[in-house]
């Protein structure tokens, strides 16, 4: 289970170091083999390979008659790139994916249970502020109304 917010710096080659607290779990779960793809919120999604394979199988099986389904398949599967963790716990973020998410130097890695999100740090801070402001006045979906924190 991946959780937490982690500030990370990309090096000059576009590599990021996976935080130490996740490395052993990733090595055990997927031998450091990860898949990165784009998200419609203009961040990147980073999955352990076995988790990605489940998502990919579901996406491939969707009927492609709807334009919205085809677009989602093109975005997620089309941009999916394998990223192997090196001996130092680093992965290379492919240039096209870094460009898509506007990742430069300072990024944020967000644990999301079975995956991670990668955000430009300034974009993350701005979006988080928007979401917090919207949450004060917005109605909760029915499935969240019974959730007690």
N, C-alpha and C. Protein backbone atom coordinates (compact mmCIF):
# COMPACT_ATOMS: atom_id res chain seq x y z
N UNK A 1 0.86 -1.18 0.00
CA UNK A 1 0.00 0.00 0.00
C UNK A 1 0.90 1.23 0.00
N UNK A 2 0.73 2.08 -1.00
CA UNK A 2 1.54 3.29 -1.13
C UNK A 2 0.71 4.49 -0.68
N UNK A 3 1.27 5.25 0.25
CA UNK A 3 0.57 6.44 0.73
C UNK A 3 1.61 7.49 1.08
N UNK A 4 1.13 8.73 1.12
CA UNK A 4 2.00 9.83 1.53
C UNK A 4 2.39 10.74 0.39
N UNK A 5 2.84 11.92 0.77
CA UNK A 5 3.29 12.95 -0.17
C UNK A 5 4.79 13.09 -0.01
N UNK A 6 5.51 13.04 -1.12
CA UNK A 6 6.96 13.09 -1.11
C UNK A 6 7.47 14.11 -2.11
N UNK A 7 8.22 15.10 -1.65
CA UNK A 7 8.88 16.04 -2.55
C UNK A 7 10.14 15.41 -3.08
N UNK A 8 10.34 15.52 -4.39
CA UNK A 8 11.48 14.87 -5.06
C UNK A 8 12.04 15.85 -6.08
N UNK A 9 13.34 15.76 -6.33
CA UNK A 9 13.98 16.55 -7.38
C UNK A 9 14.41 15.62 -8.51
N UNK A 10 14.13 16.04 -9.73
CA UNK A 10 14.64 15.30 -10.90
C UNK A 10 16.08 15.71 -11.12
N UNK A 11 16.92 14.77 -11.54
CA UNK A 11 18.29 15.13 -11.88
C UNK A 11 18.34 15.63 -13.33
N UNK A 12 19.49 16.01 -13.79
CA UNK A 12 19.66 16.57 -15.13
C UNK A 12 19.31 15.62 -16.25
N UNK A 13 19.28 14.32 -15.96
CA UNK A 13 18.94 13.32 -16.98
C UNK A 13 17.47 12.95 -16.95
N UNK A 14 16.70 13.56 -16.04
CA UNK A 14 15.27 13.24 -15.95
C UNK A 14 14.99 12.03 -15.09
N UNK A 15 15.91 11.71 -14.18
CA UNK A 15 15.71 10.58 -13.28
C UNK A 15 15.22 11.08 -11.93
N UNK A 16 14.45 10.22 -11.27
CA UNK A 16 14.02 10.50 -9.91
C UNK A 16 14.36 9.30 -9.05
N UNK A 17 14.69 9.58 -7.80
CA UNK A 17 14.95 8.51 -6.85
C UNK A 17 13.63 8.17 -6.16
N UNK A 18 13.26 6.90 -6.22
CA UNK A 18 12.09 6.42 -5.48
C UNK A 18 12.43 6.57 -3.99
N UNK A 19 11.54 7.17 -3.20
CA UNK A 19 11.83 7.27 -1.77
C UNK A 19 12.15 5.90 -1.16
N UNK A 20 13.12 5.91 -0.27
CA UNK A 20 13.63 4.68 0.34
C UNK A 20 12.53 3.83 0.94
N UNK A 21 11.53 4.46 1.54
CA UNK A 21 10.50 3.68 2.24
C UNK A 21 9.66 2.82 1.31
N UNK A 22 9.70 3.07 -0.01
CA UNK A 22 8.92 2.28 -0.97
C UNK A 22 9.77 1.24 -1.70
N UNK A 23 11.08 1.38 -1.67
CA UNK A 23 11.94 0.56 -2.53
C UNK A 23 11.84 -0.94 -2.26
N UNK A 24 11.91 -1.34 -1.00
CA UNK A 24 11.85 -2.78 -0.70
C UNK A 24 10.53 -3.38 -1.14
N UNK A 25 9.44 -2.65 -0.89
CA UNK A 25 8.12 -3.15 -1.29
C UNK A 25 8.04 -3.29 -2.81
N UNK A 26 8.58 -2.31 -3.53
CA UNK A 26 8.56 -2.37 -5.00
C UNK A 26 9.45 -3.50 -5.53
N UNK A 27 10.57 -3.71 -4.88
CA UNK A 27 11.43 -4.82 -5.31
C UNK A 27 10.73 -6.16 -5.07
N UNK A 28 10.05 -6.29 -3.93
CA UNK A 28 9.35 -7.54 -3.62
C UNK A 28 8.13 -7.75 -4.51
N UNK A 29 7.40 -6.67 -4.76
CA UNK A 29 6.15 -6.74 -5.52
C UNK A 29 6.37 -6.94 -7.01
N UNK A 30 7.38 -6.26 -7.56
CA UNK A 30 7.52 -6.27 -9.02
C UNK A 30 8.96 -6.27 -9.50
N UNK A 31 9.90 -6.58 -8.60
CA UNK A 31 11.33 -6.57 -8.93
C UNK A 31 11.76 -5.23 -9.50
N UNK A 32 11.11 -4.16 -9.05
CA UNK A 32 11.46 -2.81 -9.50
C UNK A 32 10.99 -2.47 -10.90
N UNK A 33 10.12 -3.30 -11.47
CA UNK A 33 9.58 -3.05 -12.82
C UNK A 33 8.28 -2.27 -12.67
N UNK A 34 8.26 -1.06 -13.21
CA UNK A 34 7.14 -0.15 -13.08
C UNK A 34 6.66 0.27 -14.46
N UNK A 35 5.43 0.77 -14.50
CA UNK A 35 4.87 1.31 -15.74
C UNK A 35 4.34 2.71 -15.44
N UNK A 36 4.73 3.64 -16.30
CA UNK A 36 4.31 5.03 -16.16
C UNK A 36 3.43 5.39 -17.34
N UNK A 37 2.36 6.14 -17.06
CA UNK A 37 1.48 6.61 -18.12
C UNK A 37 0.91 7.96 -17.72
N UNK A 38 0.13 8.55 -18.62
CA UNK A 38 -0.45 9.87 -18.39
C UNK A 38 -1.81 9.76 -17.71
N UNK A 39 -2.21 10.85 -17.10
CA UNK A 39 -3.53 10.95 -16.49
C UNK A 39 -4.21 12.18 -17.05
N UNK A 40 -5.53 12.16 -17.11
CA UNK A 40 -6.27 13.29 -17.68
C UNK A 40 -6.10 14.57 -16.88
N UNK A 41 -5.63 14.48 -15.62
CA UNK A 41 -5.37 15.68 -14.81
C UNK A 41 -3.99 16.28 -15.09
N UNK A 42 -3.32 15.78 -16.10
CA UNK A 42 -1.98 16.24 -16.50
C UNK A 42 -0.92 15.97 -15.45
N UNK A 43 -1.06 14.84 -14.79
CA UNK A 43 0.01 14.31 -13.96
C UNK A 43 0.38 12.96 -14.58
N UNK A 44 1.32 12.27 -13.97
CA UNK A 44 1.68 10.94 -14.45
C UNK A 44 1.27 9.91 -13.41
N UNK A 45 0.95 8.73 -13.87
CA UNK A 45 0.61 7.61 -13.00
C UNK A 45 1.76 6.61 -13.07
N UNK A 46 2.16 6.09 -11.92
CA UNK A 46 3.26 5.13 -11.85
C UNK A 46 2.76 3.88 -11.12
N UNK A 47 2.71 2.77 -11.84
CA UNK A 47 2.18 1.51 -11.31
C UNK A 47 3.29 0.46 -11.22
N UNK A 48 3.27 -0.36 -10.17
CA UNK A 48 4.06 -1.60 -10.23
C UNK A 48 3.52 -2.43 -11.41
N UNK A 49 4.39 -3.10 -12.13
CA UNK A 49 3.98 -3.81 -13.34
C UNK A 49 2.77 -4.72 -13.13
N UNK A 50 2.69 -5.54 -12.09
CA UNK A 50 1.51 -6.41 -11.94
C UNK A 50 0.21 -5.61 -11.78
N UNK A 51 0.26 -4.48 -11.09
CA UNK A 51 -0.93 -3.64 -10.94
C UNK A 51 -1.34 -3.05 -12.29
N UNK A 52 -0.35 -2.60 -13.06
CA UNK A 52 -0.64 -2.04 -14.38
C UNK A 52 -1.26 -3.10 -15.30
N UNK A 53 -0.76 -4.31 -15.25
CA UNK A 53 -1.27 -5.35 -16.14
C UNK A 53 -2.76 -5.59 -15.91
N UNK A 54 -3.23 -5.48 -14.67
CA UNK A 54 -4.66 -5.63 -14.37
C UNK A 54 -5.45 -4.50 -15.03
N UNK A 55 -4.96 -3.28 -14.90
CA UNK A 55 -5.63 -2.10 -15.50
C UNK A 55 -5.62 -2.22 -17.02
N UNK A 56 -4.47 -2.56 -17.57
CA UNK A 56 -4.34 -2.67 -19.03
C UNK A 56 -5.29 -3.72 -19.60
N UNK A 57 -5.40 -4.85 -18.93
CA UNK A 57 -6.32 -5.90 -19.38
C UNK A 57 -7.76 -5.40 -19.41
N UNK A 58 -8.16 -4.66 -18.38
CA UNK A 58 -9.51 -4.10 -18.34
C UNK A 58 -9.72 -3.09 -19.46
N UNK A 59 -8.72 -2.26 -19.71
CA UNK A 59 -8.84 -1.26 -20.77
C UNK A 59 -8.95 -1.91 -22.15
N UNK A 60 -8.15 -2.93 -22.37
CA UNK A 60 -8.15 -3.62 -23.67
C UNK A 60 -9.48 -4.30 -23.94
N UNK A 61 -10.13 -4.78 -22.89
CA UNK A 61 -11.40 -5.51 -23.04
C UNK A 61 -12.62 -4.59 -23.22
N UNK A 62 -12.44 -3.29 -22.99
CA UNK A 62 -13.57 -2.38 -23.17
C UNK A 62 -14.00 -2.34 -24.63
N UNK A 63 -15.29 -2.28 -24.89
CA UNK A 63 -15.73 -2.16 -26.29
C UNK A 63 -15.28 -0.82 -26.85
N UNK A 64 -14.69 -0.87 -28.03
CA UNK A 64 -14.11 0.34 -28.61
C UNK A 64 -15.08 1.09 -29.52
N UNK A 65 -16.38 0.87 -29.36
CA UNK A 65 -17.36 1.55 -30.21
C UNK A 65 -17.57 3.01 -29.78
N UNK A 66 -17.30 3.31 -28.51
CA UNK A 66 -17.50 4.67 -28.02
C UNK A 66 -16.20 5.45 -28.17
N UNK A 67 -16.31 6.66 -28.67
CA UNK A 67 -15.14 7.51 -28.88
C UNK A 67 -14.42 7.78 -27.56
N UNK A 68 -15.18 7.95 -26.48
CA UNK A 68 -14.57 8.24 -25.19
C UNK A 68 -13.70 7.07 -24.72
N UNK A 69 -14.14 5.85 -24.96
CA UNK A 69 -13.37 4.66 -24.60
C UNK A 69 -12.09 4.60 -25.41
N UNK A 70 -12.18 4.83 -26.72
CA UNK A 70 -10.99 4.80 -27.56
C UNK A 70 -9.97 5.86 -27.14
N UNK A 71 -10.47 7.05 -26.79
CA UNK A 71 -9.57 8.11 -26.34
C UNK A 71 -8.84 7.70 -25.07
N UNK A 72 -9.58 7.12 -24.14
CA UNK A 72 -8.96 6.70 -22.88
C UNK A 72 -7.92 5.60 -23.14
N UNK A 73 -8.24 4.64 -23.99
CA UNK A 73 -7.29 3.59 -24.34
C UNK A 73 -6.04 4.18 -24.98
N UNK A 74 -6.23 5.12 -25.90
CA UNK A 74 -5.08 5.74 -26.57
C UNK A 74 -4.20 6.48 -25.59
N UNK A 75 -4.83 7.20 -24.68
CA UNK A 75 -4.04 7.96 -23.71
C UNK A 75 -3.29 7.04 -22.76
N UNK A 76 -4.01 6.15 -22.09
CA UNK A 76 -3.40 5.34 -21.05
C UNK A 76 -2.47 4.26 -21.59
N UNK A 77 -2.95 3.47 -22.54
CA UNK A 77 -2.12 2.39 -23.09
C UNK A 77 -1.06 2.95 -24.03
N UNK A 78 -1.46 3.92 -24.83
CA UNK A 78 -0.53 4.50 -25.80
C UNK A 78 0.68 5.17 -25.17
N UNK A 79 0.51 5.75 -24.00
CA UNK A 79 1.62 6.41 -23.32
C UNK A 79 2.31 5.53 -22.29
N UNK A 80 1.79 4.32 -22.06
CA UNK A 80 2.37 3.44 -21.05
C UNK A 80 3.81 3.08 -21.42
N UNK A 81 4.71 3.32 -20.48
CA UNK A 81 6.14 3.09 -20.70
C UNK A 81 6.71 2.35 -19.49
N UNK A 82 7.43 1.28 -19.75
CA UNK A 82 8.06 0.55 -18.65
C UNK A 82 9.27 1.33 -18.15
N UNK A 83 9.40 1.40 -16.83
CA UNK A 83 10.50 2.10 -16.17
C UNK A 83 11.06 1.16 -15.12
N UNK A 84 12.28 0.74 -15.29
CA UNK A 84 12.89 -0.18 -14.33
C UNK A 84 13.72 0.60 -13.32
N UNK A 85 13.54 0.26 -12.05
CA UNK A 85 14.31 0.87 -10.98
C UNK A 85 15.75 0.34 -11.06
N UNK A 86 16.72 1.26 -11.02
CA UNK A 86 18.11 0.83 -11.07
C UNK A 86 18.59 0.46 -9.66
N UNK A 87 19.84 0.07 -9.54
CA UNK A 87 20.39 -0.35 -8.26
C UNK A 87 20.37 0.72 -7.20
N UNK A 88 20.33 1.99 -7.61
CA UNK A 88 20.28 3.12 -6.68
C UNK A 88 18.85 3.55 -6.37
N UNK A 89 17.86 2.79 -6.88
CA UNK A 89 16.46 3.11 -6.62
C UNK A 89 15.92 4.24 -7.46
N UNK A 90 16.55 4.49 -8.62
CA UNK A 90 16.10 5.58 -9.50
C UNK A 90 15.37 5.01 -10.71
N UNK A 91 14.47 5.84 -11.25
CA UNK A 91 13.84 5.52 -12.54
C UNK A 91 13.99 6.73 -13.44
N UNK A 92 14.06 6.47 -14.73
CA UNK A 92 14.12 7.52 -15.73
C UNK A 92 12.70 7.85 -16.17
N UNK A 93 12.33 9.12 -16.09
CA UNK A 93 11.02 9.57 -16.57
C UNK A 93 11.20 9.94 -18.03
N UNK A 94 10.54 9.24 -18.95
CA UNK A 94 10.71 9.52 -20.38
C UNK A 94 10.36 10.97 -20.71
N UNK A 95 11.15 11.57 -21.60
CA UNK A 95 10.97 12.98 -21.95
C UNK A 95 9.54 13.31 -22.39
N UNK A 96 8.89 12.50 -23.25
CA UNK A 96 7.52 12.87 -23.65
C UNK A 96 6.55 12.91 -22.47
N UNK A 97 6.74 12.03 -21.50
CA UNK A 97 5.86 12.02 -20.33
C UNK A 97 6.17 13.19 -19.42
N UNK A 98 7.46 13.52 -19.25
CA UNK A 98 7.82 14.71 -18.45
C UNK A 98 7.23 15.96 -19.08
N UNK A 99 7.27 16.04 -20.40
CA UNK A 99 6.70 17.20 -21.11
C UNK A 99 5.19 17.27 -20.91
N UNK A 100 4.51 16.14 -21.01
CA UNK A 100 3.05 16.10 -20.85
C UNK A 100 2.64 16.66 -19.49
N UNK A 101 3.35 16.28 -18.43
CA UNK A 101 2.99 16.69 -17.07
C UNK A 101 3.73 17.95 -16.63
N UNK A 102 4.50 18.56 -17.54
CA UNK A 102 5.27 19.77 -17.25
C UNK A 102 6.18 19.57 -16.04
N UNK A 103 6.86 18.42 -16.01
CA UNK A 103 7.78 18.12 -14.91
C UNK A 103 9.16 18.63 -15.27
N UNK A 104 9.72 19.43 -14.37
CA UNK A 104 11.03 20.00 -14.64
C UNK A 104 12.02 19.56 -13.57
N UNK A 105 12.05 20.24 -12.46
CA UNK A 105 13.01 19.93 -11.40
C UNK A 105 12.31 19.43 -10.13
N UNK A 106 11.41 20.25 -9.60
CA UNK A 106 10.74 19.91 -8.35
C UNK A 106 9.41 19.23 -8.64
N UNK A 107 9.29 17.99 -8.17
CA UNK A 107 8.07 17.22 -8.40
C UNK A 107 7.57 16.66 -7.07
N UNK A 108 6.35 16.17 -7.10
CA UNK A 108 5.73 15.57 -5.92
C UNK A 108 5.25 14.17 -6.31
N UNK A 109 5.60 13.20 -5.48
CA UNK A 109 5.16 11.81 -5.64
C UNK A 109 4.10 11.57 -4.59
N UNK A 110 2.89 11.20 -5.03
CA UNK A 110 1.76 11.01 -4.15
C UNK A 110 1.38 9.53 -4.15
N UNK A 111 1.43 8.89 -2.99
CA UNK A 111 0.99 7.50 -2.89
C UNK A 111 -0.53 7.43 -3.00
N UNK A 112 -1.02 6.51 -3.82
CA UNK A 112 -2.46 6.36 -4.04
C UNK A 112 -2.89 4.91 -3.88
N UNK A 113 -2.37 4.24 -2.87
CA UNK A 113 -2.76 2.85 -2.64
C UNK A 113 -1.96 1.89 -3.49
N UNK A 114 -2.48 1.56 -4.66
CA UNK A 114 -1.81 0.60 -5.54
C UNK A 114 -0.91 1.26 -6.57
N UNK A 115 -0.83 2.59 -6.56
CA UNK A 115 -0.04 3.32 -7.55
C UNK A 115 0.44 4.63 -6.95
N UNK A 116 1.21 5.38 -7.75
CA UNK A 116 1.66 6.71 -7.39
C UNK A 116 1.20 7.69 -8.45
N UNK A 117 1.07 8.95 -8.07
CA UNK A 117 0.90 10.05 -9.01
C UNK A 117 2.15 10.91 -8.92
N UNK A 118 2.58 11.43 -10.07
CA UNK A 118 3.71 12.35 -10.13
C UNK A 118 3.20 13.69 -10.66
N UNK A 119 3.46 14.74 -9.90
CA UNK A 119 2.99 16.09 -10.24
C UNK A 119 4.16 17.07 -10.23
N UNK A 120 4.08 18.07 -11.07
CA UNK A 120 4.93 19.24 -10.92
C UNK A 120 4.56 19.85 -9.57
N UNK A 121 5.55 20.23 -8.76
CA UNK A 121 5.28 20.68 -7.39
C UNK A 121 4.37 21.91 -7.36
N UNK A 122 4.61 22.87 -8.22
CA UNK A 122 3.78 24.09 -8.21
C UNK A 122 2.36 23.76 -8.65
N UNK A 123 2.22 22.90 -9.65
CA UNK A 123 0.89 22.50 -10.12
C UNK A 123 0.15 21.76 -9.01
N UNK A 124 0.85 20.85 -8.32
CA UNK A 124 0.23 20.11 -7.22
C UNK A 124 -0.30 21.07 -6.15
N UNK A 125 0.53 22.02 -5.74
CA UNK A 125 0.12 22.96 -4.70
C UNK A 125 -1.10 23.77 -5.12
N UNK A 126 -1.13 24.21 -6.37
CA UNK A 126 -2.27 24.99 -6.87
C UNK A 126 -3.53 24.14 -6.95
N UNK A 127 -3.41 22.93 -7.51
CA UNK A 127 -4.58 22.06 -7.64
C UNK A 127 -5.11 21.63 -6.28
N UNK A 128 -4.22 21.32 -5.35
CA UNK A 128 -4.64 20.95 -4.01
C UNK A 128 -5.43 22.08 -3.35
N UNK A 129 -4.97 23.31 -3.52
CA UNK A 129 -5.68 24.46 -2.97
C UNK A 129 -7.07 24.58 -3.61
N UNK A 130 -7.16 24.36 -4.92
CA UNK A 130 -8.46 24.39 -5.61
C UNK A 130 -9.40 23.33 -5.05
N UNK A 131 -8.89 22.11 -4.91
CA UNK A 131 -9.72 21.00 -4.43
C UNK A 131 -10.21 21.25 -3.02
N UNK A 132 -9.34 21.78 -2.18
CA UNK A 132 -9.74 22.07 -0.81
C UNK A 132 -10.82 23.16 -0.77
N UNK A 133 -10.67 24.18 -1.62
CA UNK A 133 -11.66 25.25 -1.67
C UNK A 133 -12.99 24.72 -2.22
N UNK A 134 -12.94 23.89 -3.25
CA UNK A 134 -14.17 23.32 -3.82
C UNK A 134 -14.86 22.39 -2.84
N UNK A 135 -14.10 21.67 -2.04
CA UNK A 135 -14.66 20.71 -1.11
C UNK A 135 -15.48 21.34 -0.01
N UNK A 136 -15.21 22.60 0.28
CA UNK A 136 -15.95 23.27 1.35
C UNK A 136 -17.40 23.53 0.97
N UNK A 137 -17.65 23.77 -0.31
CA UNK A 137 -18.99 24.13 -0.75
C UNK A 137 -19.68 23.03 -1.55
N UNK A 138 -18.92 22.02 -1.98
CA UNK A 138 -19.49 21.01 -2.87
C UNK A 138 -20.23 19.92 -2.13
N UNK A 139 -21.14 19.27 -2.86
CA UNK A 139 -21.88 18.13 -2.33
C UNK A 139 -21.05 16.87 -2.54
N UNK A 140 -21.04 16.01 -1.55
CA UNK A 140 -20.34 14.74 -1.66
C UNK A 140 -21.15 13.76 -2.50
N UNK A 141 -20.48 12.96 -3.32
CA UNK A 141 -21.19 11.89 -4.02
C UNK A 141 -21.79 10.93 -3.00
N UNK A 142 -22.84 10.24 -3.39
CA UNK A 142 -23.57 9.34 -2.49
C UNK A 142 -22.64 8.30 -1.84
N UNK A 143 -21.69 7.75 -2.61
CA UNK A 143 -20.83 6.71 -2.06
C UNK A 143 -19.87 7.23 -1.00
N UNK A 144 -19.69 8.56 -0.91
CA UNK A 144 -18.82 9.13 0.12
C UNK A 144 -19.58 9.69 1.34
N UNK A 145 -20.88 9.81 1.23
CA UNK A 145 -21.64 10.43 2.30
C UNK A 145 -21.63 9.62 3.58
N UNK A 146 -21.45 8.32 3.50
CA UNK A 146 -21.44 7.50 4.71
C UNK A 146 -20.03 7.29 5.26
N UNK A 147 -19.04 7.83 4.58
CA UNK A 147 -17.65 7.67 5.02
C UNK A 147 -17.38 8.55 6.23
N UNK A 148 -16.87 7.95 7.27
CA UNK A 148 -16.52 8.68 8.48
C UNK A 148 -15.01 8.68 8.62
N UNK A 149 -14.43 9.87 8.78
CA UNK A 149 -12.98 9.97 8.95
C UNK A 149 -12.62 10.26 10.38
